[in-house]
Amino acid sequence: MSHLQQVKIPATYIRGGTSKGVFFKLQDLPVSAQVAGAARDALLLRVIGSPDPYGKQTDGMGGATSSTSKTVILSKSNKSDHDVDYLFGQVSIDKPFVDWSGNCGNLTAAVGAFAISNGLVDAERISENGVTVVRIWQSNINKTIIAHVPMTNGAVQETGDFELDGVTFPAAEVEVEFMDPADGDGAMFPTGNLVDELEVPGVGTLKATMINAGIPTIFINAKAIGYTGTELQDAINNDSKALAMFEAIRAHGAVRMGLIEHVDEAAQRQHTPKVAFVAQPSDYLSSSGKQVAAADIDVLVRALSMGKLHHAMMGTAAVAIGTAAAIPGTLVNEAAGGGDRKAVRFGHPSGTLKVGAEALQVDGQWTATKAIMSRSARVLMEGWVRVPDGSF
């Protein structure tokens, strides 16, 4: 009886921030997958174990959540002022497609370290000790990201005492700067307004701040949809009506933001935009049992990713939060107490996170110069992934 052999492809499995993903060097991929298209998508789907009608990704590297169904392709940059080109693919769990419409801010924390360790950064730019600055070109959204990677004796330092809520063990701190973080080529506020009236059939008319920064994000007030902003995953993810409501908000917001032409197209664009709800600070118990005090945060934020409430916060959504908080009049800024601010500490299901952002108004239009946050990253496994020949 004939059977298919398995193809071995060099790969590294890495935790970046509160996400995990499979990292590849572009030149290590099979020739047919070195260019965008059906073969590449089919390969990544098979690597991750999608589509899986059981929703478990048992026959692949995925972890059955939006945070762990991710892939990264890196190559030496052909831009003289950048070191590495970074392409992110969000793999659907139960459907046969890979969403290339946005970045993953969490996995960005691992890009610089991977690039250094895999020869994608010129040797003269690598520090023996201290910090190596890696200039990343984010190919999904055509933006520059700067990663400050700690080094010890010429090697990337991954262990340390930096603690990140949503990650069990401490690690080395990686500071990440998202330069000019408005997503894509359009305006940071695509409707031209800091707050819009968003009509959602079956839900009502909601005040919404729709912003392109880090990743397109729709912010609404928690109270307007019957929440407090202190909810954990089970309160949302076990409620099919709530999930349907958030998807309706996301779809209609995507149309208003100009990301799609009709709400029906939202099903094929799961990664973007994100939906988040905000509230004024309040005491709550995080998913780990840690007490978060209202006095220790500026605002409460809960965000959905790939149709589910995120266990912590997407890195790109954190950029959107920080940027919106820096602009007086947005729903995020108002929930945080209003006024001018250069940084915000927000409460999420796993704890807290601080993000800094700089925004200014030029000719009546708001723009962001950069957003900064600290994450961590650690290689979990390296070697090869295997996929059946003929599956891509």
Protein backbone atom coordinates (compact mmCIF):
# COMPACT_ATOMS: atom_id res chain seq x y z
CA MET A 1 0.00 0.00 0.00
CA SER A 2 1.48 3.36 -1.05
CA HIS A 3 1.73 6.24 1.37
CA LEU A 4 2.98 9.80 1.48
CA GLN A 5 6.35 10.61 3.00
CA GLN A 6 6.64 13.48 5.45
CA VAL A 7 8.50 16.63 4.48
CA LYS A 8 10.87 18.14 7.07
CA ILE A 9 11.02 21.93 7.29
CA PRO A 10 13.34 23.82 9.66
CA ALA A 11 11.27 25.73 12.21
CA THR A 12 11.35 27.20 15.70
CA TYR A 13 8.49 27.24 18.20
CA ILE A 14 8.63 30.45 20.23
CA ARG A 15 6.63 32.22 22.91
CA GLY A 16 6.46 35.93 22.26
CA GLY A 17 4.57 38.01 24.83
CA THR A 18 1.35 36.15 25.63
CA SER A 19 1.31 34.29 22.31
CA LYS A 20 3.10 31.32 20.75
CA GLY A 21 3.89 30.68 17.12
CA VAL A 22 5.89 28.67 14.61
CA PHE A 23 8.75 30.73 13.11
CA PHE A 24 10.33 30.06 9.71
CA LYS A 25 13.14 31.56 7.70
CA LEU A 26 11.75 32.31 4.26
CA GLN A 27 14.52 30.45 2.45
CA ASP A 28 13.86 27.30 4.51
CA LEU A 29 10.32 26.97 3.17
CA PRO A 30 9.62 24.72 0.18
CA VAL A 31 10.05 26.70 -3.05
CA SER A 32 6.31 26.78 -3.74
CA ALA A 33 5.69 28.33 -0.30
CA GLN A 34 8.37 31.00 -0.58
CA VAL A 35 5.88 33.22 -2.37
CA ALA A 36 2.43 34.30 -1.21
CA GLY A 37 -0.39 32.13 -2.44
CA ALA A 38 -2.34 28.93 -2.05
CA ALA A 39 0.70 26.68 -1.51
CA ARG A 40 2.01 28.81 1.37
CA ASP A 41 -1.41 28.99 3.02
CA ALA A 42 -1.94 25.23 2.66
CA LEU A 43 1.46 24.51 4.21
CA LEU A 44 0.87 26.74 7.23
CA LEU A 45 -2.61 25.34 7.75
CA ARG A 46 -1.18 21.81 7.81
CA VAL A 47 1.66 22.83 10.14
CA ILE A 48 -0.75 24.36 12.65
CA GLY A 49 -3.37 21.62 12.26
CA SER A 50 -6.21 23.52 10.60
CA PRO A 51 -8.98 23.46 9.70
CA ASP A 52 -10.03 21.32 12.63
CA PRO A 53 -13.79 20.75 13.08
CA TYR A 54 -13.03 19.53 16.61
CA GLY A 55 -11.43 22.90 17.41
CA LYS A 56 -8.39 21.29 19.08
CA GLN A 57 -5.61 21.38 16.42
CA THR A 58 -4.45 18.03 17.82
CA ASP A 59 -2.72 17.05 14.55
CA GLY A 60 -0.61 20.20 14.38
CA MET A 61 1.40 22.77 16.29
CA GLY A 62 -1.53 25.04 17.11
CA GLY A 63 -2.89 25.37 20.62
CA ALA A 64 -6.58 25.80 19.74
CA THR A 65 -6.70 29.49 20.69
CA SER A 66 -6.16 32.67 18.69
CA SER A 67 -3.00 33.28 20.77
CA THR A 68 -1.43 29.97 19.74
CA SER A 69 -2.60 29.55 16.13
CA LYS A 70 0.09 31.75 14.64
CA THR A 71 2.92 31.62 12.11
CA VAL A 72 5.82 33.93 11.30
CA ILE A 73 8.03 34.09 8.21
CA LEU A 74 11.27 36.07 8.45
CA SER A 75 13.93 37.04 5.94
CA LYS A 76 16.91 39.37 5.77
CA SER A 77 15.54 42.75 4.78
CA ASN A 78 16.23 44.18 1.37
CA LYS A 79 15.79 47.65 2.86
CA SER A 80 19.12 49.24 3.74
CA ASP A 81 17.77 50.81 6.93
CA HIS A 82 16.16 47.61 8.26
CA ASP A 83 17.56 44.27 9.39
CA VAL A 84 14.70 41.82 8.95
CA ASP A 85 11.37 41.56 7.14
CA TYR A 86 8.59 40.14 9.31
CA LEU A 87 5.44 38.57 7.88
CA PHE A 88 2.71 37.32 10.22
CA GLY A 89 -0.01 34.79 9.40
CA GLN A 90 -2.97 34.27 11.74
CA VAL A 91 -4.22 30.74 11.08
CA SER A 92 -7.92 30.09 11.46
CA ILE A 93 -8.69 27.17 13.77
CA ASP A 94 -11.84 25.80 12.16
CA LYS A 95 -11.74 27.30 8.67
CA PRO A 96 -9.26 26.76 5.80
CA PHE A 97 -7.66 30.18 5.59
CA VAL A 98 -4.74 32.23 6.84
CA ASP A 99 -5.40 35.89 7.61
CA TRP A 100 -2.56 38.18 6.49
CA SER A 101 -4.38 41.46 7.21
CA GLY A 102 -2.52 42.55 10.33
CA ASN A 103 0.43 42.21 12.67
CA CYS A 104 0.91 40.26 15.91
CA GLY A 105 2.37 42.59 18.51
CA ASN A 106 3.11 39.83 21.00
CA LEU A 107 5.14 37.70 18.60
CA THR A 108 6.97 40.87 17.53
CA ALA A 109 8.88 40.53 20.80
CA ALA A 110 10.45 37.32 19.47
CA VAL A 111 11.31 38.58 15.98
CA GLY A 112 14.50 40.40 16.94
CA ALA A 113 15.86 37.48 18.95
CA PHE A 114 15.12 34.99 16.16
CA ALA A 115 16.72 37.29 13.60
CA ILE A 116 19.92 37.60 15.64
CA SER A 117 20.17 33.88 16.37
CA ASN A 118 19.51 32.88 12.76
CA GLY A 119 21.95 35.12 10.93
CA LEU A 120 19.47 37.70 9.67
CA VAL A 121 21.21 40.61 11.43
CA ASP A 122 24.66 41.72 10.28
CA ALA A 123 27.36 40.69 12.75
CA GLU A 124 28.67 44.23 13.18
CA ARG A 125 25.25 45.31 14.51
CA ILE A 126 25.18 42.67 17.24
CA SER A 127 26.35 43.67 20.72
CA GLU A 128 28.48 41.29 22.79
CA ASN A 129 26.74 42.44 25.96
CA GLY A 130 23.97 44.92 26.65
CA VAL A 131 21.30 45.48 24.02
CA THR A 132 21.13 44.87 20.28
CA VAL A 133 18.75 47.12 18.40
CA VAL A 134 16.95 45.22 15.63
CA ARG A 135 15.18 47.22 12.94
CA ILE A 136 12.11 45.26 11.81
CA TRP A 137 10.06 45.88 8.70
CA GLN A 138 6.52 44.64 9.40
CA SER A 139 5.45 43.48 5.94
CA ASN A 140 1.74 43.01 6.69
CA ILE A 141 1.19 46.69 7.44
CA ASN A 142 4.38 48.26 6.01
CA LYS A 143 5.59 49.72 9.29
CA THR A 144 8.87 49.94 11.19
CA ILE A 145 9.25 48.30 14.61
CA ILE A 146 12.35 48.59 16.78
CA ALA A 147 13.18 45.73 19.16
CA HIS A 148 15.73 46.15 21.96
CA VAL A 149 17.06 42.64 22.52
CA PRO A 150 19.19 41.90 25.63
CA MET A 151 22.51 40.16 24.96
CA THR A 152 24.95 38.24 27.16
CA ASN A 153 28.32 37.01 25.86
CA GLY A 154 27.26 37.48 22.26
CA ALA A 155 24.06 35.45 22.58
CA VAL A 156 20.44 36.49 23.00
CA GLN A 157 19.46 36.54 26.66
CA GLU A 158 16.05 34.93 27.14
CA THR A 159 15.90 34.36 30.89
CA GLY A 160 15.51 37.11 33.46
CA ASP A 161 13.25 38.55 36.15
CA PHE A 162 10.82 40.55 34.01
CA GLU A 163 7.25 39.49 34.79
CA LEU A 164 4.45 39.80 32.26
CA ASP A 165 0.86 39.21 33.37
CA GLY A 166 -0.54 36.36 31.29
CA VAL A 167 2.81 34.52 31.22
CA THR A 168 3.58 32.11 34.06
CA PHE A 169 7.37 32.44 34.33
CA PRO A 170 9.64 35.50 34.32
CA ALA A 171 12.04 36.13 31.42
CA ALA A 172 14.27 38.81 29.95
CA GLU A 173 12.62 42.13 29.13
CA VAL A 174 12.39 43.13 25.45
CA GLU A 175 11.36 46.72 24.80
CA VAL A 176 9.45 47.13 21.55
CA GLU A 177 8.82 50.45 19.77
CA PHE A 178 6.07 50.62 17.16
CA MET A 179 6.98 53.55 14.93
CA ASP A 180 4.22 55.58 13.26
CA PRO A 181 1.77 52.88 14.38
CA ALA A 182 -1.29 54.00 12.42
CA ASP A 183 -2.20 50.80 10.57
CA GLY A 184 -2.02 50.86 6.77
CA ASP A 185 -2.01 53.94 4.55
CA GLY A 186 -5.25 55.57 5.65
CA ALA A 187 -6.10 58.00 8.43
CA MET A 188 -5.67 56.93 12.03
CA PHE A 189 -9.38 57.69 12.51
CA PRO A 190 -10.84 56.46 9.21
CA THR A 191 -14.27 58.03 9.79
CA GLY A 192 -12.70 61.36 10.66
CA ASN A 193 -14.22 61.27 14.16
CA LEU A 194 -12.86 60.41 17.59
CA VAL A 195 -16.26 58.97 18.50
CA ASP A 196 -18.96 57.71 16.13
CA GLU A 197 -22.51 56.51 16.47
CA LEU A 198 -22.26 52.92 15.23
CA GLU A 199 -25.57 51.35 14.25
CA VAL A 200 -25.60 47.58 14.72
CA PRO A 201 -28.87 45.81 13.78
CA GLY A 202 -30.14 43.71 16.65
CA VAL A 203 -27.80 45.45 19.11
CA GLY A 204 -28.57 49.16 18.86
CA THR A 205 -26.64 52.36 18.27
CA LEU A 206 -23.37 52.42 20.19
CA LYS A 207 -20.77 55.11 20.74
CA ALA A 208 -17.54 53.79 19.22
CA THR A 209 -13.97 54.94 18.80
CA MET A 210 -12.61 53.31 15.65
CA ILE A 211 -8.86 53.65 15.31
CA ASN A 212 -6.10 52.36 13.06
CA ALA A 213 -3.10 52.16 15.38
CA GLY A 214 -1.17 48.95 15.90
CA ILE A 215 -4.18 47.13 14.48
CA PRO A 216 -7.62 48.39 13.44
CA THR A 217 -9.69 48.38 16.64
CA ILE A 218 -13.26 49.25 17.58
CA PHE A 219 -13.65 50.50 21.16
CA ILE A 220 -17.03 50.63 22.85
CA ASN A 221 -18.13 51.34 26.41
CA ALA A 222 -18.64 48.25 28.56
CA LYS A 223 -21.75 49.68 30.22
CA ALA A 224 -23.45 50.20 26.85
CA ILE A 225 -23.46 46.44 26.21
CA GLY A 226 -24.20 45.34 29.75
CA TYR A 227 -20.69 44.64 31.04
CA THR A 228 -18.45 46.08 33.75
CA GLY A 229 -15.03 45.66 32.12
CA THR A 230 -13.91 43.19 34.80
CA GLU A 231 -15.12 40.10 32.91
CA LEU A 232 -12.91 37.03 32.45
CA GLN A 233 -12.97 34.65 29.48
CA ASP A 234 -15.74 32.32 30.65
CA ALA A 235 -18.19 35.19 31.03
CA ILE A 236 -17.93 35.93 27.31
CA ASN A 237 -16.66 32.82 25.59
CA ASN A 238 -19.34 30.54 27.04
CA ASP A 239 -22.10 32.88 25.90
CA SER A 240 -23.00 32.29 22.25
CA LYS A 241 -25.32 35.31 22.18
CA ALA A 242 -22.54 37.57 23.44
CA LEU A 243 -20.10 36.27 20.83
CA ALA A 244 -22.67 36.83 18.10
CA MET A 245 -23.20 40.38 19.34
CA PHE A 246 -19.48 41.15 19.28
CA GLU A 247 -19.14 39.70 15.78
CA ALA A 248 -22.01 41.90 14.60
CA ILE A 249 -20.31 44.94 16.12
CA ARG A 250 -17.02 43.94 14.49
CA ALA A 251 -18.58 43.43 11.06
CA HIS A 252 -20.49 46.72 11.02
CA GLY A 253 -17.49 48.57 12.43
CA ALA A 254 -15.28 47.09 9.70
CA VAL A 255 -17.62 48.52 7.07
CA ARG A 256 -17.55 51.97 8.71
CA MET A 257 -13.75 51.82 8.86
CA GLY A 258 -13.56 51.03 5.16
CA LEU A 259 -11.89 47.65 5.73
CA ILE A 260 -14.66 45.76 3.93
CA GLU A 261 -17.54 46.80 1.70
CA HIS A 262 -20.23 44.53 3.14
CA VAL A 263 -20.73 42.86 6.52
CA ASP A 264 -20.71 39.43 4.88
CA GLU A 265 -17.00 39.88 4.08
CA ALA A 266 -16.10 39.99 7.80
CA ALA A 267 -16.12 36.19 8.00
CA GLN A 268 -13.11 36.09 5.69
CA ARG A 269 -11.26 38.75 7.67
CA GLN A 270 -11.22 37.36 11.21
CA HIS A 271 -7.94 38.88 12.37
CA THR A 272 -8.97 42.50 11.83
CA PRO A 273 -10.51 44.64 13.10
CA LYS A 274 -10.47 43.86 16.80
CA VAL A 275 -13.33 44.73 19.17
CA ALA A 276 -12.66 45.92 22.71
CA PHE A 277 -14.76 47.36 25.51
CA VAL A 278 -13.58 49.84 28.14
CA ALA A 279 -14.61 50.99 31.59
CA GLN A 280 -13.36 53.13 34.43
CA PRO A 281 -11.06 51.40 36.95
CA SER A 282 -12.53 48.90 39.37
CA ASP A 283 -11.15 46.19 41.66
CA TYR A 284 -11.25 42.68 40.22
CA LEU A 285 -9.72 39.23 40.50
CA SER A 286 -7.59 38.23 37.51
CA SER A 287 -7.73 34.80 35.88
CA SER A 288 -4.71 33.68 37.93
CA GLY A 289 -6.37 34.73 41.19
CA LYS A 290 -4.26 37.88 41.50
CA GLN A 291 -6.10 40.86 42.95
CA VAL A 292 -6.00 43.92 40.71
CA ALA A 293 -6.78 47.16 42.54
CA ALA A 294 -8.55 50.05 40.87
CA ALA A 295 -5.85 52.36 42.23
CA ASP A 296 -3.19 50.49 40.23
CA ILE A 297 -4.76 50.98 36.79
CA ASP A 298 -6.04 53.84 34.66
CA VAL A 299 -8.68 51.96 32.68
CA LEU A 300 -10.23 48.52 32.22
CA VAL A 301 -10.05 46.93 28.77
CA ARG A 302 -11.29 43.61 27.44
CA ALA A 303 -10.61 42.66 23.81
CA LEU A 304 -11.73 39.91 21.47
CA SER A 305 -9.47 38.12 19.01
CA MET A 306 -10.64 35.66 16.35
CA GLY A 307 -14.12 35.63 17.86
CA LYS A 308 -13.14 34.99 21.49
CA LEU A 309 -12.27 37.13 24.50
CA HIS A 310 -8.48 37.21 24.74
CA HIS A 311 -6.92 35.77 27.89
CA ALA A 312 -4.73 38.85 28.29
CA MET A 313 -4.20 41.50 25.59
CA MET A 314 -2.98 41.37 22.02
CA GLY A 315 0.18 43.43 21.61
CA THR A 316 -1.17 45.31 18.63
CA ALA A 317 -4.39 46.07 20.50
CA ALA A 318 -2.26 47.39 23.37
CA VAL A 319 -0.77 49.85 20.87
CA ALA A 320 -4.29 50.90 19.90
CA ILE A 321 -5.19 51.30 23.59
CA GLY A 322 -2.12 53.41 24.33
CA THR A 323 -2.62 55.59 21.27
CA ALA A 324 -6.34 56.13 21.88
CA ALA A 325 -5.66 56.90 25.55
CA ALA A 326 -3.21 59.63 24.48
CA ILE A 327 -5.87 61.46 22.47
CA PRO A 328 -8.41 63.51 24.47
CA GLY A 329 -11.99 62.74 23.52
CA THR A 330 -11.74 59.08 22.60
CA LEU A 331 -13.71 56.55 24.61
CA VAL A 332 -10.45 55.07 25.94
CA ASN A 333 -9.16 58.46 27.04
CA GLU A 334 -12.46 59.33 28.72
CA ALA A 335 -12.63 55.98 30.56
CA ALA A 336 -9.07 56.63 31.75
CA GLY A 337 -10.09 59.97 33.24
CA GLY A 338 -9.51 62.25 30.25
CA GLY A 339 -6.79 64.82 29.65
CA ASP A 340 -3.32 64.52 28.14
CA ARG A 341 -1.29 61.43 28.90
CA LYS A 342 1.87 59.80 27.58
CA ALA A 343 1.23 56.36 29.03
CA VAL A 344 -1.62 54.24 30.32
CA ARG A 345 -1.75 51.20 32.58
CA PHE A 346 -4.79 49.09 31.79
CA GLY A 347 -6.36 46.09 33.44
CA HIS A 348 -6.99 42.97 31.32
CA PRO A 349 -8.19 39.46 32.24
CA SER A 350 -4.72 38.27 33.27
CA GLY A 351 -3.56 41.39 35.10
CA THR A 352 -2.15 44.73 33.99
CA LEU A 353 0.01 46.19 31.24
CA LYS A 354 1.57 49.60 30.72
CA VAL A 355 1.97 51.07 27.25
CA GLY A 356 3.30 54.47 26.28
CA ALA A 357 2.29 56.42 23.20
CA GLU A 358 3.00 59.78 21.61
CA ALA A 359 0.28 61.43 19.55
CA LEU A 360 -0.03 64.88 18.05
CA GLN A 361 -2.47 66.82 15.90
CA VAL A 362 -1.26 68.14 12.54
CA ASP A 363 -3.58 70.17 10.31
CA GLY A 364 -6.56 68.89 12.25
CA GLN A 365 -5.58 65.25 11.87
CA TRP A 366 -4.31 63.10 14.71
CA THR A 367 -1.19 61.04 14.16
CA ALA A 368 0.93 58.85 16.40
CA THR A 369 4.71 58.96 16.29
CA LYS A 370 5.30 55.77 18.27
CA ALA A 371 4.04 53.42 20.94
CA ILE A 372 6.27 51.58 23.40
CA MET A 373 5.79 48.52 25.56
CA SER A 374 7.82 45.78 27.18
CA ARG A 375 7.30 42.09 26.45
CA SER A 376 9.43 38.97 26.69
CA ALA A 377 10.18 35.99 24.45
CA ARG A 378 11.62 32.50 24.79
CA VAL A 379 12.44 29.70 22.37
CA LEU A 380 10.44 26.61 23.35
CA MET A 381 11.62 24.16 20.70
CA GLU A 382 13.71 24.22 17.55
CA GLY A 383 14.37 21.71 14.80
CA TRP A 384 11.89 20.72 12.09
CA VAL A 385 8.19 20.53 11.63
CA ARG A 386 6.87 17.69 9.49
CA VAL A 387 3.95 17.77 7.07
CA PRO A 388 2.74 15.07 4.69
CA ASP A 389 4.09 15.50 1.16
CA GLY A 390 1.40 16.71 -1.18
CA SER A 391 -0.47 18.70 1.48
CA PHE A 392 0.64 22.01 0.01
